[in-house]
Amino acid sequence: GGAPEALAPRVASALGEGAEARLRADPWLLLATPGVPPRQADEFARALLGDEAGPGDERRGQALVGWLLERAALAGHTVLEPGQLAAGLREQGVPEPEEAVSTAIEEGTVLVFQDRGAPLDAPAGEDEQAAEVRVLVGLERYALAEESLADGLGRLHGTFAAPEGEATGGWAEAAASAPSPSAGELIRAAAGAAVVAHTGGEA
């Protein structure tokens, strides 16, 4: 009745102390284990619950919400729009995906964010009312990590100044002789800003 034996170490690492009892209460928590797909979690749930393990089980929907957000994070997206999340749940056979997303929000499985889409350098309050507000959802740990990163970058930005005058000449020359267009773009960005964050891809 426990998790598949081959997965036991990973399950224990993912779920922590009391993993077996937690899985008996909610077999779809198996999805919190890295590398476990929904099909395997469904098979495990059917082995424990029999015919009660249906695609519309609320526990299944909540576990899939977390699984979809984890997959999105691996692809570089730490938040998704509710509609995107509902579409992913629909693909996994959840009969009422919008309701599953609402339940995840109500129960705190995910956090809700509002993105006004304003440029980073826009003055505070400018066109604030006119800006389009996007509602996004994400997992708490990624939100906290991004908040910490933003604070750190903000402190760095206040510590350094972008190069000016003759100091920029060497940067332009370095960008022109960069080994790739992306490297040249990164050098030009560094020349014009106090702090540059480079994520993903090749420099």
Protein backbone atom coordinates (compact mmCIF):
# COMPACT_ATOMS: atom_id res chain seq x y z
CA GLY A 1 0.00 0.00 0.00
CA GLY A 2 2.99 2.33 0.17
CA ALA A 3 4.74 4.09 -2.68
CA PRO A 4 6.36 1.93 -5.38
CA GLU A 5 9.50 0.47 -3.84
CA ALA A 6 11.84 1.85 -6.49
CA LEU A 7 10.55 5.36 -5.76
CA ALA A 8 10.73 5.10 -1.98
CA PRO A 9 13.91 7.20 -1.48
CA ARG A 10 12.68 9.99 -3.77
CA VAL A 11 9.20 9.93 -2.24
CA ALA A 12 10.64 10.21 1.26
CA SER A 13 12.79 13.13 0.15
CA ALA A 14 9.88 14.92 -1.51
CA LEU A 15 7.23 14.36 1.16
CA GLY A 16 9.38 14.17 4.27
CA GLU A 17 8.48 12.49 7.53
CA GLY A 18 5.22 10.57 7.49
CA ALA A 19 5.30 10.12 3.71
CA GLU A 20 3.51 6.76 3.82
CA ALA A 21 0.61 8.08 5.89
CA ARG A 22 0.30 11.13 3.68
CA LEU A 23 0.18 8.98 0.55
CA ARG A 24 -2.51 6.76 2.04
CA ALA A 25 -4.61 9.86 2.67
CA ASP A 26 -3.83 11.39 -0.72
CA PRO A 27 -2.15 9.05 -3.22
CA TRP A 28 -1.81 11.83 -5.82
CA LEU A 29 0.80 13.45 -3.60
CA LEU A 30 3.08 11.02 -5.42
CA LEU A 31 3.20 13.72 -8.13
CA ALA A 32 5.36 15.82 -5.80
CA THR A 33 8.14 13.30 -6.46
CA PRO A 34 10.42 14.44 -9.30
CA GLY A 35 10.06 12.31 -12.41
CA VAL A 36 6.62 10.88 -11.59
CA PRO A 37 4.06 11.52 -14.38
CA PRO A 38 0.29 11.78 -13.83
CA ARG A 39 -0.30 8.35 -15.36
CA GLN A 40 1.85 6.69 -12.71
CA ALA A 41 0.19 8.66 -9.91
CA ASP A 42 -3.25 7.65 -11.25
CA GLU A 43 -2.24 3.98 -11.30
CA PHE A 44 -0.99 4.25 -7.74
CA ALA A 45 -4.24 5.93 -6.66
CA ARG A 46 -6.33 3.19 -8.29
CA ALA A 47 -4.26 0.54 -6.52
CA LEU A 48 -5.06 2.18 -3.18
CA LEU A 49 -8.58 3.49 -3.73
CA GLY A 50 -10.03 1.24 -6.39
CA ASP A 51 -13.04 2.70 -8.19
CA GLU A 52 -13.01 5.74 -5.91
CA ALA A 53 -9.92 7.04 -7.73
CA GLY A 54 -11.70 9.08 -10.39
CA PRO A 55 -10.33 11.85 -12.63
CA GLY A 56 -12.49 14.43 -10.87
CA ASP A 57 -11.17 13.72 -7.38
CA GLU A 58 -10.36 17.08 -5.79
CA ARG A 59 -7.07 15.73 -4.44
CA ARG A 60 -6.03 14.81 -7.96
CA GLY A 61 -6.81 18.28 -9.25
CA GLN A 62 -4.78 19.95 -6.51
CA ALA A 63 -1.80 17.67 -7.06
CA LEU A 64 -1.93 18.34 -10.80
CA VAL A 65 -1.97 22.09 -10.19
CA GLY A 66 1.35 21.78 -8.36
CA TRP A 67 2.74 19.39 -10.97
CA LEU A 68 1.88 21.72 -13.85
CA LEU A 69 3.45 24.71 -12.11
CA GLU A 70 6.59 22.69 -11.38
CA ARG A 71 6.85 21.75 -15.06
CA ALA A 72 6.34 25.35 -16.10
CA ALA A 73 9.10 26.44 -13.70
CA LEU A 74 11.51 23.97 -15.30
CA ALA A 75 10.76 25.70 -18.61
CA GLY A 76 11.47 29.11 -17.08
CA HIS A 77 7.92 30.19 -16.19
CA THR A 78 7.40 30.48 -12.44
CA VAL A 79 3.85 31.80 -12.85
CA LEU A 80 0.98 31.00 -15.21
CA GLU A 81 -2.30 32.64 -16.04
CA PRO A 82 -5.30 30.81 -14.53
CA GLY A 83 -6.53 30.01 -18.03
CA GLN A 84 -3.22 28.37 -18.93
CA LEU A 85 -3.35 26.31 -15.77
CA ALA A 86 -6.95 25.29 -16.46
CA ALA A 87 -6.00 24.25 -20.00
CA GLY A 88 -3.25 22.03 -18.63
CA LEU A 89 -5.67 20.44 -16.17
CA ARG A 90 -8.15 19.84 -18.98
CA GLU A 91 -5.46 18.00 -20.95
CA GLN A 92 -4.98 15.75 -17.93
CA GLY A 93 -8.68 14.86 -17.87
CA VAL A 94 -9.80 17.04 -14.95
CA PRO A 95 -13.54 17.47 -15.64
CA GLU A 96 -13.90 20.95 -14.08
CA PRO A 97 -10.48 22.57 -14.48
CA GLU A 98 -11.54 26.16 -13.74
CA GLU A 99 -13.06 25.03 -10.45
CA ALA A 100 -9.87 23.14 -9.61
CA VAL A 101 -7.84 26.32 -10.14
CA SER A 102 -10.25 28.30 -7.94
CA THR A 103 -9.98 25.65 -5.22
CA ALA A 104 -6.18 25.79 -5.38
CA ILE A 105 -6.32 29.55 -4.88
CA GLU A 106 -8.84 29.35 -2.03
CA GLU A 107 -6.88 26.66 -0.19
CA GLY A 108 -3.53 28.40 -0.61
CA THR A 109 -2.02 25.74 -2.85
CA VAL A 110 -0.97 28.60 -5.12
CA LEU A 111 -0.47 32.32 -4.65
CA VAL A 112 -2.13 34.99 -6.79
CA PHE A 113 -0.18 37.87 -8.29
CA GLN A 114 -1.18 40.92 -10.29
CA ASP A 115 1.04 42.14 -13.10
CA ARG A 116 0.22 45.55 -14.53
CA GLY A 117 2.73 45.13 -17.32
CA ALA A 118 4.28 48.56 -16.76
CA PRO A 119 7.88 49.10 -17.94
CA LEU A 120 10.46 48.67 -15.19
CA ASP A 121 11.71 52.24 -15.65
CA ALA A 122 8.26 53.86 -15.68
CA PRO A 123 7.74 56.48 -12.93
CA ALA A 124 5.65 55.22 -10.03
CA GLY A 125 1.97 55.88 -10.56
CA GLU A 126 2.29 56.81 -14.24
CA ASP A 127 -0.59 55.33 -16.27
CA GLU A 128 -1.23 53.02 -13.35
CA GLN A 129 -4.97 53.07 -13.89
CA ALA A 130 -4.69 52.48 -17.64
CA ALA A 131 -2.24 49.58 -17.40
CA GLU A 132 -3.71 46.18 -18.17
CA VAL A 133 -3.72 43.95 -15.11
CA ARG A 134 -2.82 40.29 -15.62
CA VAL A 135 -3.72 37.80 -12.92
CA LEU A 136 -1.05 35.14 -12.44
CA VAL A 137 -0.69 32.16 -10.12
CA GLY A 138 2.43 30.45 -8.84
CA LEU A 139 3.94 28.35 -6.09
CA GLU A 140 4.99 30.08 -2.88
CA ARG A 141 8.61 28.95 -2.85
CA TYR A 142 9.29 30.37 -6.30
CA ALA A 143 7.59 33.63 -5.35
CA LEU A 144 9.78 33.95 -2.25
CA ALA A 145 12.91 33.11 -4.25
CA GLU A 146 12.11 35.73 -6.89
CA GLU A 147 11.33 38.32 -4.23
CA SER A 148 14.69 37.65 -2.58
CA LEU A 149 16.45 37.90 -5.95
CA ALA A 150 14.68 41.18 -6.76
CA ASP A 151 15.74 42.64 -3.40
CA GLY A 152 19.34 41.62 -4.03
CA LEU A 153 19.36 43.10 -7.53
CA GLY A 154 17.82 46.28 -6.18
CA ARG A 155 20.61 46.64 -3.63
CA LEU A 156 23.23 46.04 -6.31
CA HIS A 157 21.60 48.60 -8.58
CA GLY A 158 21.92 51.21 -5.85
CA THR A 159 25.59 50.37 -5.31
CA PHE A 160 26.99 50.62 -8.84
CA ALA A 161 26.66 53.16 -11.62
CA ALA A 162 26.59 52.54 -15.35
CA PRO A 163 29.82 53.49 -17.20
CA GLU A 164 29.83 56.93 -18.79
CA GLY A 165 31.90 58.97 -21.22
CA GLU A 166 35.18 57.50 -22.38
CA ALA A 167 34.61 54.42 -20.27
CA THR A 168 31.95 53.24 -22.74
CA GLY A 169 34.36 53.10 -25.67
CA GLY A 170 35.94 49.85 -24.62
CA TRP A 171 32.53 48.28 -24.17
CA ALA A 172 31.50 49.13 -27.73
CA GLU A 173 34.70 47.61 -29.07
CA ALA A 174 34.21 44.49 -26.97
CA ALA A 175 30.62 44.12 -28.20
CA ALA A 176 31.72 44.45 -31.82
CA SER A 177 34.27 41.66 -31.42
CA ALA A 178 32.02 39.38 -29.37
CA PRO A 179 31.95 35.72 -30.48
CA SER A 180 28.16 35.70 -30.98
CA PRO A 181 25.28 38.17 -31.42
CA SER A 182 23.86 37.24 -28.01
CA ALA A 183 27.23 37.89 -26.37
CA GLY A 184 27.44 41.26 -28.08
CA GLU A 185 23.95 42.14 -26.90
CA LEU A 186 24.87 41.19 -23.34
CA ILE A 187 28.00 43.36 -23.45
CA ARG A 188 26.02 46.34 -24.77
CA ALA A 189 23.45 45.85 -22.01
CA ALA A 190 26.21 45.80 -19.39
CA ALA A 191 27.63 49.00 -20.87
CA GLY A 192 24.37 50.85 -20.42
CA ALA A 193 23.19 49.64 -17.04
CA ALA A 194 24.50 49.36 -13.52
CA VAL A 195 23.23 45.80 -13.14
CA VAL A 196 22.36 43.23 -15.83
CA ALA A 197 20.69 39.89 -15.10
CA HIS A 198 21.32 37.24 -17.76
CA THR A 199 19.07 34.19 -17.61
CA GLY A 200 19.07 31.15 -19.87
CA GLY A 201 20.59 30.73 -23.30
CA GLU A 202 24.21 31.26 -24.22
CA ALA A 203 26.19 34.36 -23.44
